[in-house]
Amino acid sequence: MQRLRRGSAGATVLLLLIFFLVYLAPIPGSTVASNAARLLFSSQRDSVVIAGNSVVDHVSRCASDKRRIPALIRDELGRGVIDVSSPGQPEAESLNYLAFALRHSKASSVVLFVPARFQSFSLPDLQTQEFFYLTASSAFGDNSLTQRTHAGVPLLGGINTNFSPPFTYNHVNYPNYDGIKDIYLTRELEEMSCPETLGNDRQFIEAYYWESYLARPVRNENISGLKELQQIAIDTHKTLIILLEPVDFDDVESLSLKLAEAMRAQIRSNVKLLQQANVQFLDLTESMHADDFSDRYCACGHLSSKGARAVAERVSALLKAVDQQSASPSGD
């Protein structure tokens, strides 16, 4: 009987160890692990790390120049560029990557592409959250382990509200993101010609702009996260460029002047929040025209090759100015 009890206790300990290794050990998902390894083990010194959503690495189907923004910046600067962006990457994930880069990689500069909406919320699985907590920063709101105690948050899974749930606009009901993609976006992509146009279903496109920019409230955590990242850059004596992504106001105005004004008002409010938090940023929200954009039907801010080059030139110019200032004898 005593031997049986010892065997049972040993099995319990083994199960607990397996549970810890599978569910609690700070081993991130494959994408995060790959990006972290790229940052940590890069042989490039004085590199630039870029994080953000699909705007960073999208290439227009009509583009003659297939270089993505990171490659354009690399070629302009003549130095290493590490791209850790991904489609739909929430702000919190970008913040964690760049905090990791500032503290652990050979990067001298980091560039964050962020939509001027500040609405998204993403909580990774527990292992990835613990990995970022230990290696990047515990200060970001979406990286706080106390989030696991909130109602509706899964204990072991992840949660991402970066993509739209079902919504209603002008008395028309629209499905969630998967339905939007299957019913509307795929059709628009298939029917798109070169040079690209706004698209066919103007009623949907207007509704999707509204959903993307106005349907959800601003999350203050996304503002305070930028402030925290800025402080990390100051503490590590490295360069941070926060870039507010361009918005295709030409097309929005052609759809609805009322919607365009509402979007402008919301973005102006968001910019004011950044200024009040003393966050330094490059505001490109109104810097582009319709032909600077690609996939204009998706309200996602994808850039044409012309728009991508313009953004890359602005970022490269800022980084060159920083390099020149650092190289000057007085540092002024």
C-alpha atoms as a PDB file:
ATOM      1  CA  MET A   1       0.000   0.000   0.000  1.00  0.00           C
ATOM      2  CA  GLN A   2       2.824   2.380   0.867  1.00  0.00           C
ATOM      3  CA  ARG A   3       4.515   1.586  -2.422  1.00  0.00           C
ATOM      4  CA  LEU A   4       1.214   2.287  -4.210  1.00  0.00           C
ATOM      5  CA  ARG A   5       0.933   5.670  -2.494  1.00  0.00           C
ATOM      6  CA  ARG A   6       4.502   6.530  -3.484  1.00  0.00           C
ATOM      7  CA  GLY A   7       3.758   5.531  -7.061  1.00  0.00           C
ATOM      8  CA  SER A   8       0.611   7.633  -7.108  1.00  0.00           C
ATOM      9  CA  ALA A   9       2.459  10.640  -5.697  1.00  0.00           C
ATOM     10  CA  GLY A  10       5.188  10.220  -8.287  1.00  0.00           C
ATOM     11  CA  ALA A  11       2.628  10.084 -11.085  1.00  0.00           C
ATOM     12  CA  THR A  12       1.019  13.268  -9.750  1.00  0.00           C
ATOM     13  CA  VAL A  13       4.358  15.072  -9.694  1.00  0.00           C
ATOM     14  CA  LEU A  14       5.073  13.867 -13.240  1.00  0.00           C
ATOM     15  CA  LEU A  15       1.691  15.141 -14.438  1.00  0.00           C
ATOM     16  CA  LEU A  16       2.325  18.503 -12.792  1.00  0.00           C
ATOM     17  CA  LEU A  17       5.715  18.736 -14.485  1.00  0.00           C
ATOM     18  CA  ILE A  18       4.163  17.901 -17.848  1.00  0.00           C
ATOM     19  CA  PHE A  19       1.475  20.540 -17.256  1.00  0.00           C
ATOM     20  CA  PHE A  20       4.146  23.121 -16.429  1.00  0.00           C
ATOM     21  CA  LEU A  21       6.196  22.307 -19.509  1.00  0.00           C
ATOM     22  CA  VAL A  22       3.213  22.242 -21.866  1.00  0.00           C
ATOM     23  CA  TYR A  23       1.116  25.090 -20.519  1.00  0.00           C
ATOM     24  CA  LEU A  24       3.191  27.319 -18.243  1.00  0.00           C
ATOM     25  CA  ALA A  25       6.799  27.314 -19.462  1.00  0.00           C
ATOM     26  CA  PRO A  26       7.596  30.601 -21.254  1.00  0.00           C
ATOM     27  CA  ILE A  27       8.031  28.963 -24.662  1.00  0.00           C
ATOM     28  CA  PRO A  28       6.397  31.205 -27.272  1.00  0.00           C
ATOM     29  CA  GLY A  29       4.549  30.199 -30.405  1.00  0.00           C
ATOM     30  CA  SER A  30       6.543  29.400 -33.535  1.00  0.00           C
ATOM     31  CA  THR A  31       6.135  32.833 -35.170  1.00  0.00           C
ATOM     32  CA  VAL A  32       7.185  34.690 -32.031  1.00  0.00           C
ATOM     33  CA  ALA A  33      10.080  32.288 -31.429  1.00  0.00           C
ATOM     34  CA  SER A  34      11.273  32.746 -35.019  1.00  0.00           C
ATOM     35  CA  ASN A  35      11.167  36.539 -34.792  1.00  0.00           C
ATOM     36  CA  ALA A  36      12.834  36.535 -31.377  1.00  0.00           C
ATOM     37  CA  ALA A  37      15.618  34.302 -32.699  1.00  0.00           C
ATOM     38  CA  ARG A  38      16.058  36.620 -35.692  1.00  0.00           C
ATOM     39  CA  LEU A  39      16.445  39.565 -33.330  1.00  0.00           C
ATOM     40  CA  LEU A  40      18.687  37.833 -30.829  1.00  0.00           C
ATOM     41  CA  PHE A  41      21.031  35.959 -33.146  1.00  0.00           C
ATOM     42  CA  SER A  42      21.300  38.360 -36.073  1.00  0.00           C
ATOM     43  CA  SER A  43      24.880  38.861 -37.200  1.00  0.00           C
ATOM     44  CA  GLN A  44      24.023  42.369 -38.394  1.00  0.00           C
ATOM     45  CA  ARG A  45      25.230  45.251 -36.259  1.00  0.00           C
ATOM     46  CA  ASP A  46      23.723  48.716 -36.258  1.00  0.00           C
ATOM     47  CA  SER A  47      20.560  47.300 -37.780  1.00  0.00           C
ATOM     48  CA  VAL A  48      17.050  48.729 -38.000  1.00  0.00           C
ATOM     49  CA  VAL A  49      14.167  46.618 -36.658  1.00  0.00           C
ATOM     50  CA  ILE A  50      10.723  47.217 -38.146  1.00  0.00           C
ATOM     51  CA  ALA A  51       7.426  46.012 -36.653  1.00  0.00           C
ATOM     52  CA  GLY A  52       3.849  46.548 -37.730  1.00  0.00           C
ATOM     53  CA  ASN A  53       0.964  45.125 -39.696  1.00  0.00           C
ATOM     54  CA  SER A  54       0.579  44.204 -43.375  1.00  0.00           C
ATOM     55  CA  VAL A  55       1.209  47.788 -44.486  1.00  0.00           C
ATOM     56  CA  VAL A  56       4.908  47.119 -43.851  1.00  0.00           C
ATOM     57  CA  ASP A  57       5.378  44.198 -46.216  1.00  0.00           C
ATOM     58  CA  HIS A  58       2.481  44.389 -48.658  1.00  0.00           C
ATOM     59  CA  VAL A  59       3.287  44.496 -52.369  1.00  0.00           C
ATOM     60  CA  SER A  60       0.675  45.693 -54.844  1.00  0.00           C
ATOM     61  CA  ARG A  61      -0.264  43.226 -57.542  1.00  0.00           C
ATOM     62  CA  CYS A  62       0.289  46.083 -60.025  1.00  0.00           C
ATOM     63  CA  ALA A  63       3.711  47.095 -58.711  1.00  0.00           C
ATOM     64  CA  SER A  64       6.679  46.971 -61.053  1.00  0.00           C
ATOM     65  CA  ASP A  65       9.002  47.377 -58.055  1.00  0.00           C
ATOM     66  CA  LYS A  66       8.333  44.398 -55.790  1.00  0.00           C
ATOM     67  CA  ARG A  67      10.543  45.570 -52.935  1.00  0.00           C
ATOM     68  CA  ARG A  68       8.788  45.846 -49.598  1.00  0.00           C
ATOM     69  CA  ILE A  69       9.250  48.819 -47.281  1.00  0.00           C
ATOM     70  CA  PRO A  70      11.999  47.116 -45.194  1.00  0.00           C
ATOM     71  CA  ALA A  71      13.970  46.363 -48.374  1.00  0.00           C
ATOM     72  CA  LEU A  72      13.485  49.921 -49.624  1.00  0.00           C
ATOM     73  CA  ILE A  73      14.827  51.287 -46.322  1.00  0.00           C
ATOM     74  CA  ARG A  74      17.720  48.817 -46.371  1.00  0.00           C
ATOM     75  CA  ASP A  75      18.729  49.833 -49.882  1.00  0.00           C
ATOM     76  CA  GLU A  76      18.434  53.538 -49.043  1.00  0.00           C
ATOM     77  CA  LEU A  77      20.487  53.292 -45.847  1.00  0.00           C
ATOM     78  CA  GLY A  78      22.951  50.591 -46.875  1.00  0.00           C
ATOM     79  CA  ARG A  79      22.610  48.852 -43.505  1.00  0.00           C
ATOM     80  CA  GLY A  80      20.866  45.824 -42.079  1.00  0.00           C
ATOM     81  CA  VAL A  81      17.093  45.813 -41.618  1.00  0.00           C
ATOM     82  CA  ILE A  82      15.235  43.152 -39.626  1.00  0.00           C
ATOM     83  CA  ASP A  83      11.519  42.862 -40.410  1.00  0.00           C
ATOM     84  CA  VAL A  84       9.329  41.341 -37.679  1.00  0.00           C
ATOM     85  CA  SER A  85       6.018  42.639 -39.043  1.00  0.00           C
ATOM     86  CA  SER A  86       3.072  40.407 -39.917  1.00  0.00           C
ATOM     87  CA  PRO A  87      -0.460  40.841 -41.305  1.00  0.00           C
ATOM     88  CA  GLY A  88      -2.882  41.916 -38.595  1.00  0.00           C
ATOM     89  CA  GLN A  89      -0.117  42.338 -36.031  1.00  0.00           C
ATOM     90  CA  PRO A  90      -1.739  44.059 -33.015  1.00  0.00           C
ATOM     91  CA  GLU A  91      -0.031  47.048 -31.431  1.00  0.00           C
ATOM     92  CA  ALA A  92       0.817  45.134 -28.252  1.00  0.00           C
ATOM     93  CA  GLU A  93       2.690  42.450 -30.183  1.00  0.00           C
ATOM     94  CA  SER A  94       4.644  45.098 -32.078  1.00  0.00           C
ATOM     95  CA  LEU A  95       5.489  46.830 -28.807  1.00  0.00           C
ATOM     96  CA  ASN A  96       6.837  43.612 -27.331  1.00  0.00           C
ATOM     97  CA  TYR A  97       8.983  42.849 -30.382  1.00  0.00           C
ATOM     98  CA  LEU A  98      10.539  46.296 -30.352  1.00  0.00           C
ATOM     99  CA  ALA A  99      11.097  46.321 -26.592  1.00  0.00           C
ATOM    100  CA  PHE A 100      12.832  42.971 -27.054  1.00  0.00           C
ATOM    101  CA  ALA A 101      14.907  44.438 -29.912  1.00  0.00           C
ATOM    102  CA  LEU A 102      15.900  47.520 -27.932  1.00  0.00           C
ATOM    103  CA  ARG A 103      17.097  45.431 -25.007  1.00  0.00           C
ATOM    104  CA  HIS A 104      18.452  42.280 -26.599  1.00  0.00           C
ATOM    105  CA  SER A 105      19.449  42.725 -30.234  1.00  0.00           C
ATOM    106  CA  LYS A 106      22.220  44.525 -32.053  1.00  0.00           C
ATOM    107  CA  ALA A 107      19.715  47.065 -33.362  1.00  0.00           C
ATOM    108  CA  SER A 108      20.483  50.745 -33.010  1.00  0.00           C
ATOM    109  CA  SER A 109      17.068  51.868 -34.265  1.00  0.00           C
ATOM    110  CA  VAL A 110      13.520  50.525 -34.250  1.00  0.00           C
ATOM    111  CA  VAL A 111      10.567  51.641 -36.364  1.00  0.00           C
ATOM    112  CA  LEU A 112       6.955  51.016 -35.403  1.00  0.00           C
ATOM    113  CA  PHE A 113       4.187  51.243 -38.000  1.00  0.00           C
ATOM    114  CA  VAL A 114       0.878  51.754 -36.231  1.00  0.00           C
ATOM    115  CA  PRO A 115      -2.626  52.609 -37.485  1.00  0.00           C
ATOM    116  CA  ALA A 116      -3.970  55.818 -35.957  1.00  0.00           C
ATOM    117  CA  ARG A 117      -6.984  53.917 -34.568  1.00  0.00           C
ATOM    118  CA  PHE A 118      -5.524  52.516 -31.305  1.00  0.00           C
ATOM    119  CA  GLN A 119      -8.483  50.136 -30.930  1.00  0.00           C
ATOM    120  CA  SER A 120      -7.040  46.656 -31.130  1.00  0.00           C
ATOM    121  CA  PHE A 121      -6.717  44.299 -28.192  1.00  0.00           C
ATOM    122  CA  SER A 122      -4.681  41.127 -28.313  1.00  0.00           C
ATOM    123  CA  LEU A 123      -3.719  38.777 -25.531  1.00  0.00           C
ATOM    124  CA  PRO A 124      -1.398  35.964 -26.642  1.00  0.00           C
ATOM    125  CA  ASP A 125      -1.410  32.470 -25.228  1.00  0.00           C
ATOM    126  CA  LEU A 126      -0.021  32.218 -21.713  1.00  0.00           C
ATOM    127  CA  GLN A 127       3.376  30.849 -22.766  1.00  0.00           C
ATOM    128  CA  THR A 128       3.974  33.671 -25.225  1.00  0.00           C
ATOM    129  CA  GLN A 129       2.737  36.227 -22.717  1.00  0.00           C
ATOM    130  CA  GLU A 130       5.192  34.919 -20.110  1.00  0.00           C
ATOM    131  CA  PHE A 131       8.003  34.968 -22.690  1.00  0.00           C
ATOM    132  CA  PHE A 132       7.366  38.639 -23.463  1.00  0.00           C
ATOM    133  CA  TYR A 133       6.936  39.410 -19.763  1.00  0.00           C
ATOM    134  CA  LEU A 134      10.388  38.009 -19.030  1.00  0.00           C
ATOM    135  CA  THR A 135      12.276  39.228 -22.101  1.00  0.00           C
ATOM    136  CA  ALA A 136      10.593  42.442 -23.280  1.00  0.00           C
ATOM    137  CA  SER A 137       8.510  44.363 -20.769  1.00  0.00           C
ATOM    138  CA  SER A 138       5.833  43.799 -18.173  1.00  0.00           C
ATOM    139  CA  ALA A 139       4.601  47.381 -18.493  1.00  0.00           C
ATOM    140  CA  PHE A 140       2.432  47.028 -21.581  1.00  0.00           C
ATOM    141  CA  GLY A 141      -1.242  46.664 -20.675  1.00  0.00           C
ATOM    142  CA  ASP A 142      -1.832  43.662 -22.911  1.00  0.00           C
ATOM    143  CA  ASN A 143       1.269  41.956 -21.520  1.00  0.00           C
ATOM    144  CA  SER A 144       0.169  42.084 -17.893  1.00  0.00           C
ATOM    145  CA  LEU A 145      -0.366  38.595 -16.504  1.00  0.00           C
ATOM    146  CA  THR A 146      -3.249  39.979 -14.429  1.00  0.00           C
ATOM    147  CA  GLN A 147      -5.225  40.061 -17.679  1.00  0.00           C
ATOM    148  CA  ARG A 148      -5.687  36.312 -17.184  1.00  0.00           C
ATOM    149  CA  THR A 149      -7.978  37.003 -14.234  1.00  0.00           C
ATOM    150  CA  HIS A 150     -10.385  39.149 -16.266  1.00  0.00           C
ATOM    151  CA  ALA A 151     -13.780  37.774 -17.171  1.00  0.00           C
ATOM    152  CA  GLY A 152     -13.961  36.328 -20.655  1.00  0.00           C
ATOM    153  CA  VAL A 153     -10.208  35.840 -21.009  1.00  0.00           C
ATOM    154  CA  PRO A 154      -9.202  32.221 -21.616  1.00  0.00           C
ATOM    155  CA  LEU A 155      -6.716  30.816 -19.137  1.00  0.00           C
ATOM    156  CA  LEU A 156      -4.599  28.976 -21.690  1.00  0.00           C
ATOM    157  CA  GLY A 157      -5.587  30.253 -25.127  1.00  0.00           C
ATOM    158  CA  GLY A 158      -5.068  33.559 -26.840  1.00  0.00           C
ATOM    159  CA  ILE A 159      -7.512  36.321 -27.715  1.00  0.00           C
ATOM    160  CA  ASN A 160      -7.366  38.752 -30.617  1.00  0.00           C
ATOM    161  CA  THR A 161     -10.028  41.347 -31.326  1.00  0.00           C
ATOM    162  CA  ASN A 162      -7.931  43.051 -33.990  1.00  0.00           C
ATOM    163  CA  PHE A 163     -10.294  41.714 -36.651  1.00  0.00           C
ATOM    164  CA  SER A 164     -13.897  42.797 -36.891  1.00  0.00           C
ATOM    165  CA  PRO A 165     -16.863  41.021 -35.345  1.00  0.00           C
ATOM    166  CA  PRO A 166     -20.249  41.270 -37.133  1.00  0.00           C
ATOM    167  CA  PHE A 167     -21.433  44.876 -37.380  1.00  0.00           C
ATOM    168  CA  THR A 168     -24.251  47.038 -38.730  1.00  0.00           C
ATOM    169  CA  TYR A 169     -23.813  50.215 -40.770  1.00  0.00           C
ATOM    170  CA  ASN A 170     -26.591  52.256 -42.368  1.00  0.00           C
ATOM    171  CA  HIS A 171     -29.090  49.523 -41.467  1.00  0.00           C
ATOM    172  CA  VAL A 172     -27.119  46.830 -43.314  1.00  0.00           C
ATOM    173  CA  ASN A 173     -25.781  43.831 -41.389  1.00  0.00           C
ATOM    174  CA  TYR A 174     -22.261  42.626 -42.190  1.00  0.00           C
ATOM    175  CA  PRO A 175     -20.562  39.394 -41.054  1.00  0.00           C
ATOM    176  CA  ASN A 176     -17.363  38.997 -39.043  1.00  0.00           C
ATOM    177  CA  TYR A 177     -13.912  39.256 -40.596  1.00  0.00           C
ATOM    178  CA  ASP A 178     -13.929  35.743 -42.051  1.00  0.00           C
ATOM    179  CA  GLY A 179     -17.280  36.411 -43.700  1.00  0.00           C
ATOM    180  CA  ILE A 180     -16.106  39.817 -44.936  1.00  0.00           C
ATOM    181  CA  LYS A 181     -13.063  38.187 -46.482  1.00  0.00           C
ATOM    182  CA  ASP A 182     -15.034  35.386 -48.143  1.00  0.00           C
ATOM    183  CA  ILE A 183     -17.974  37.463 -49.373  1.00  0.00           C
ATOM    184  CA  TYR A 184     -16.453  40.862 -50.173  1.00  0.00           C
ATOM    185  CA  LEU A 185     -12.663  41.091 -50.094  1.00  0.00           C
ATOM    186  CA  THR A 186     -11.947  38.018 -52.221  1.00  0.00           C
ATOM    187  CA  ARG A 187     -14.371  39.168 -54.890  1.00  0.00           C
ATOM    188  CA  GLU A 188     -12.916  42.681 -54.964  1.00  0.00           C
ATOM    189  CA  LEU A 189      -9.395  41.287 -55.292  1.00  0.00           C
ATOM    190  CA  GLU A 190     -10.375  38.966 -58.125  1.00  0.00           C
ATOM    191  CA  GLU A 191     -12.069  41.792 -60.063  1.00  0.00           C
ATOM    192  CA  MET A 192      -9.357  44.406 -59.475  1.00  0.00           C
ATOM    193  CA  SER A 193      -7.542  45.679 -62.559  1.00  0.00           C
ATOM    194  CA  CYS A 194      -4.305  47.600 -63.049  1.00  0.00           C
ATOM    195  CA  PRO A 195      -3.922  50.415 -62.308  1.00  0.00           C
ATOM    196  CA  GLU A 196      -5.926  49.783 -59.167  1.00  0.00           C
ATOM    197  CA  THR A 197      -9.191  51.537 -58.397  1.00  0.00           C
ATOM    198  CA  LEU A 198     -11.297  51.997 -55.278  1.00  0.00           C
ATOM    199  CA  GLY A 199     -13.331  48.875 -56.034  1.00  0.00           C
ATOM    200  CA  ASN A 200     -16.871  47.956 -56.983  1.00  0.00           C
ATOM    201  CA  ASP A 201     -19.083  47.658 -53.906  1.00  0.00           C
ATOM    202  CA  ARG A 202     -18.915  51.222 -52.628  1.00  0.00           C
ATOM    203  CA  GLN A 203     -21.608  50.599 -50.009  1.00  0.00           C
ATOM    204  CA  PHE A 204     -19.525  47.848 -48.408  1.00  0.00           C
ATOM    205  CA  ILE A 205     -16.254  49.784 -48.690  1.00  0.00           C
ATOM    206  CA  GLU A 206     -17.782  52.764 -46.897  1.00  0.00           C
ATOM    207  CA  ALA A 207     -19.147  50.483 -44.188  1.00  0.00           C
ATOM    208  CA  TYR A 208     -15.783  48.800 -43.736  1.00  0.00           C
ATOM    209  CA  TYR A 209     -13.986  52.123 -43.325  1.00  0.00           C
ATOM    210  CA  TRP A 210     -16.500  53.003 -40.615  1.00  0.00           C
ATOM    211  CA  GLU A 211     -15.966  49.653 -38.897  1.00  0.00           C
ATOM    212  CA  SER A 212     -12.188  49.923 -39.130  1.00  0.00           C
ATOM    213  CA  TYR A 213     -11.889  53.441 -37.704  1.00  0.00           C
ATOM    214  CA  LEU A 214     -15.012  54.288 -35.708  1.00  0.00           C
ATOM    215  CA  ALA A 215     -16.812  51.160 -34.521  1.00  0.00           C
ATOM    216  CA  ARG A 216     -14.683  50.602 -31.400  1.00  0.00           C
ATOM    217  CA  PRO A 217     -13.390  52.957 -28.713  1.00  0.00           C
ATOM    218  CA  VAL A 218      -9.752  53.909 -28.382  1.00  0.00           C
ATOM    219  CA  ARG A 219      -7.868  51.799 -25.837  1.00  0.00           C
ATOM    220  CA  ASN A 220      -5.759  53.967 -23.542  1.00  0.00           C
ATOM    221  CA  GLU A 221      -3.397  51.011 -23.093  1.00  0.00           C
ATOM    222  CA  ASN A 222      -2.338  51.400 -26.727  1.00  0.00           C
ATOM    223  CA  ILE A 223      -1.363  55.017 -26.046  1.00  0.00           C
ATOM    224  CA  SER A 224       0.434  54.316 -22.777  1.00  0.00           C
ATOM    225  CA  GLY A 225       2.239  51.403 -24.438  1.00  0.00           C
ATOM    226  CA  LEU A 226       3.815  53.780 -26.941  1.00  0.00           C
ATOM    227  CA  LYS A 227       4.932  56.007 -24.068  1.00  0.00           C
ATOM    228  CA  GLU A 228       6.526  53.026 -22.332  1.00  0.00           C
ATOM    229  CA  LEU A 229       8.330  51.944 -25.511  1.00  0.00           C
ATOM    230  CA  GLN A 230       9.633  55.477 -25.948  1.00  0.00           C
ATOM    231  CA  GLN A 231      11.044  55.384 -22.418  1.00  0.00           C
ATOM    232  CA  ILE A 232      12.756  52.057 -23.128  1.00  0.00           C
ATOM    233  CA  ALA A 233      14.400  53.634 -26.197  1.00  0.00           C
ATOM    234  CA  ILE A 234      15.590  56.564 -24.084  1.00  0.00           C
ATOM    235  CA  ASP A 235      16.946  54.246 -21.387  1.00  0.00           C
ATOM    236  CA  THR A 236      18.835  52.129 -23.937  1.00  0.00           C
ATOM    237  CA  HIS A 237      20.111  55.169 -25.881  1.00  0.00           C
ATOM    238  CA  LYS A 238      18.582  53.952 -29.122  1.00  0.00           C
ATOM    239  CA  THR A 239      16.352  55.497 -31.764  1.00  0.00           C
ATOM    240  CA  LEU A 240      12.605  54.903 -31.926  1.00  0.00           C
ATOM    241  CA  ILE A 241      10.424  56.100 -34.802  1.00  0.00           C
ATOM    242  CA  ILE A 242       6.671  55.744 -34.276  1.00  0.00           C
ATOM    243  CA  LEU A 243       4.930  56.171 -37.609  1.00  0.00           C
ATOM    244  CA  LEU A 244       1.183  56.781 -37.859  1.00  0.00           C
ATOM    245  CA  GLU A 245       0.201  55.041 -41.075  1.00  0.00           C
ATOM    246  CA  PRO A 246      -1.298  56.965 -44.013  1.00  0.00           C
ATOM    247  CA  VAL A 247      -5.073  56.993 -44.484  1.00  0.00           C
ATOM    248  CA  ASP A 248      -6.698  57.107 -47.913  1.00  0.00           C
ATOM    249  CA  PHE A 249      -8.862  60.162 -47.276  1.00  0.00           C
ATOM    250  CA  ASP A 250      -9.264  60.821 -51.012  1.00  0.00           C
ATOM    251  CA  ASP A 251     -11.263  57.615 -51.364  1.00  0.00           C
ATOM    252  CA  VAL A 252     -13.145  58.079 -48.097  1.00  0.00           C
ATOM    253  CA  GLU A 253     -14.254  61.534 -49.200  1.00  0.00           C
ATOM    254  CA  SER A 254     -15.482  60.107 -52.504  1.00  0.00           C
ATOM    255  CA  LEU A 255     -17.569  57.616 -50.507  1.00  0.00           C
ATOM    256  CA  SER A 256     -18.919  59.951 -47.828  1.00  0.00           C
ATOM    257  CA  LEU A 257     -17.834  63.425 -46.766  1.00  0.00           C
ATOM    258  CA  LYS A 258     -19.576  62.864 -43.431  1.00  0.00           C
ATOM    259  CA  LEU A 259     -17.593  59.680 -42.802  1.00  0.00           C
ATOM    260  CA  ALA A 260     -14.329  61.365 -43.801  1.00  0.00           C
ATOM    261  CA  GLU A 261     -14.907  64.195 -41.335  1.00  0.00           C
ATOM    262  CA  ALA A 262     -15.798  61.762 -38.546  1.00  0.00           C
ATOM    263  CA  MET A 263     -12.596  59.799 -39.215  1.00  0.00           C
ATOM    264  CA  ARG A 264     -10.522  62.973 -39.260  1.00  0.00           C
ATOM    265  CA  ALA A 265     -12.042  64.103 -35.978  1.00  0.00           C
ATOM    266  CA  GLN A 266     -11.272  60.755 -34.349  1.00  0.00           C
ATOM    267  CA  ILE A 267      -7.705  60.727 -35.614  1.00  0.00           C
ATOM    268  CA  ARG A 268      -7.171  64.324 -34.466  1.00  0.00           C
ATOM    269  CA  SER A 269      -8.399  63.263 -31.033  1.00  0.00           C
ATOM    270  CA  ASN A 270      -5.997  60.317 -31.021  1.00  0.00           C
ATOM    271  CA  VAL A 271      -3.098  62.546 -32.076  1.00  0.00           C
ATOM    272  CA  LYS A 272      -3.941  64.886 -29.210  1.00  0.00           C
ATOM    273  CA  LEU A 273      -3.793  61.941 -26.787  1.00  0.00           C
ATOM    274  CA  LEU A 274      -0.295  61.120 -28.053  1.00  0.00           C
ATOM    275  CA  GLN A 275       0.797  64.722 -27.680  1.00  0.00           C
ATOM    276  CA  GLN A 276      -0.591  64.918 -24.152  1.00  0.00           C
ATOM    277  CA  ALA A 277       1.389  61.784 -23.301  1.00  0.00           C
ATOM    278  CA  ASN A 278       4.533  63.422 -24.759  1.00  0.00           C
ATOM    279  CA  VAL A 279       4.912  60.638 -27.312  1.00  0.00           C
ATOM    280  CA  GLN A 280       7.070  61.627 -30.286  1.00  0.00           C
ATOM    281  CA  PHE A 281       5.735  60.385 -33.623  1.00  0.00           C
ATOM    282  CA  LEU A 282       5.705  60.896 -37.375  1.00  0.00           C
ATOM    283  CA  ASP A 283       2.167  61.641 -38.518  1.00  0.00           C
ATOM    284  CA  LEU A 284       1.630  60.416 -42.085  1.00  0.00           C
ATOM    285  CA  THR A 285      -2.141  60.041 -41.808  1.00  0.00           C
ATOM    286  CA  GLU A 286      -2.860  62.738 -44.404  1.00  0.00           C
ATOM    287  CA  SER A 287       0.347  62.572 -46.428  1.00  0.00           C
ATOM    288  CA  MET A 288      -0.854  60.389 -49.328  1.00  0.00           C
ATOM    289  CA  HIS A 289      -3.272  60.505 -52.255  1.00  0.00           C
ATOM    290  CA  ALA A 290      -5.460  57.716 -53.620  1.00  0.00           C
ATOM    291  CA  ASP A 291      -2.865  56.479 -56.127  1.00  0.00           C
ATOM    292  CA  ASP A 292      -0.400  55.970 -53.263  1.00  0.00           C
ATOM    293  CA  PHE A 293      -2.601  53.138 -51.976  1.00  0.00           C
ATOM    294  CA  SER A 294      -3.206  49.544 -52.975  1.00  0.00           C
ATOM    295  CA  ASP A 295      -6.143  47.215 -52.187  1.00  0.00           C
ATOM    296  CA  ARG A 296      -8.186  50.348 -51.620  1.00  0.00           C
ATOM    297  CA  TYR A 297     -11.392  48.343 -51.117  1.00  0.00           C
ATOM    298  CA  CYS A 298     -10.168  46.820 -47.842  1.00  0.00           C
ATOM    299  CA  ALA A 299      -9.740  50.011 -45.747  1.00  0.00           C
ATOM    300  CA  CYS A 300      -6.404  48.581 -44.627  1.00  0.00           C
ATOM    301  CA  GLY A 301      -3.940  51.251 -45.748  1.00  0.00           C
ATOM    302  CA  HIS A 302      -1.892  49.006 -48.048  1.00  0.00           C
ATOM    303  CA  LEU A 303       0.442  51.101 -50.180  1.00  0.00           C
ATOM    304  CA  SER A 304       1.229  51.098 -53.870  1.00  0.00           C
ATOM    305  CA  SER A 305       4.890  50.964 -54.891  1.00  0.00           C
ATOM    306  CA  LYS A 306       4.779  54.767 -55.155  1.00  0.00           C
ATOM    307  CA  GLY A 307       3.370  55.118 -51.640  1.00  0.00           C
ATOM    308  CA  ALA A 308       5.779  52.556 -50.194  1.00  0.00           C
ATOM    309  CA  ARG A 309       8.759  54.412 -51.659  1.00  0.00           C
ATOM    310  CA  ALA A 310       7.508  57.702 -50.221  1.00  0.00           C
ATOM    311  CA  VAL A 311       7.166  56.204 -46.736  1.00  0.00           C
ATOM    312  CA  ALA A 312      10.547  54.475 -46.956  1.00  0.00           C
ATOM    313  CA  GLU A 313      12.166  57.762 -47.990  1.00  0.00           C
ATOM    314  CA  ARG A 314      10.646  59.590 -45.008  1.00  0.00           C
ATOM    315  CA  VAL A 315      11.830  56.943 -42.551  1.00  0.00           C
ATOM    316  CA  SER A 316      15.286  56.738 -44.146  1.00  0.00           C
ATOM    317  CA  ALA A 317      15.672  60.513 -44.009  1.00  0.00           C
ATOM    318  CA  LEU A 318      14.905  60.519 -40.289  1.00  0.00           C
ATOM    319  CA  LEU A 319      17.375  57.719 -39.606  1.00  0.00           C
ATOM    320  CA  LYS A 320      20.075  59.461 -41.657  1.00  0.00           C
ATOM    321  CA  ALA A 321      19.502  62.658 -39.679  1.00  0.00           C
ATOM    322  CA  VAL A 322      19.931  60.713 -36.432  1.00  0.00           C
ATOM    323  CA  ASP A 323      23.146  59.131 -37.756  1.00  0.00           C
ATOM    324  CA  GLN A 324      24.540  62.521 -38.758  1.00  0.00           C
ATOM    325  CA  GLN A 325      23.692  63.988 -35.365  1.00  0.00           C
ATOM    326  CA  SER A 326      25.416  61.098 -33.596  1.00  0.00           C
ATOM    327  CA  ALA A 327      28.485  61.462 -35.804  1.00  0.00           C
ATOM    328  CA  SER A 328      28.903  65.175 -35.207  1.00  0.00           C
ATOM    329  CA  PRO A 329      31.698  66.057 -32.714  1.00  0.00           C
ATOM    330  CA  SER A 330      29.400  67.922 -30.357  1.00  0.00           C
ATOM    331  CA  GLY A 331      26.461  65.540 -30.744  1.00  0.00           C
ATOM    332  CA  ASP A 332      24.280  68.562 -31.561  1.00  0.00           C
END
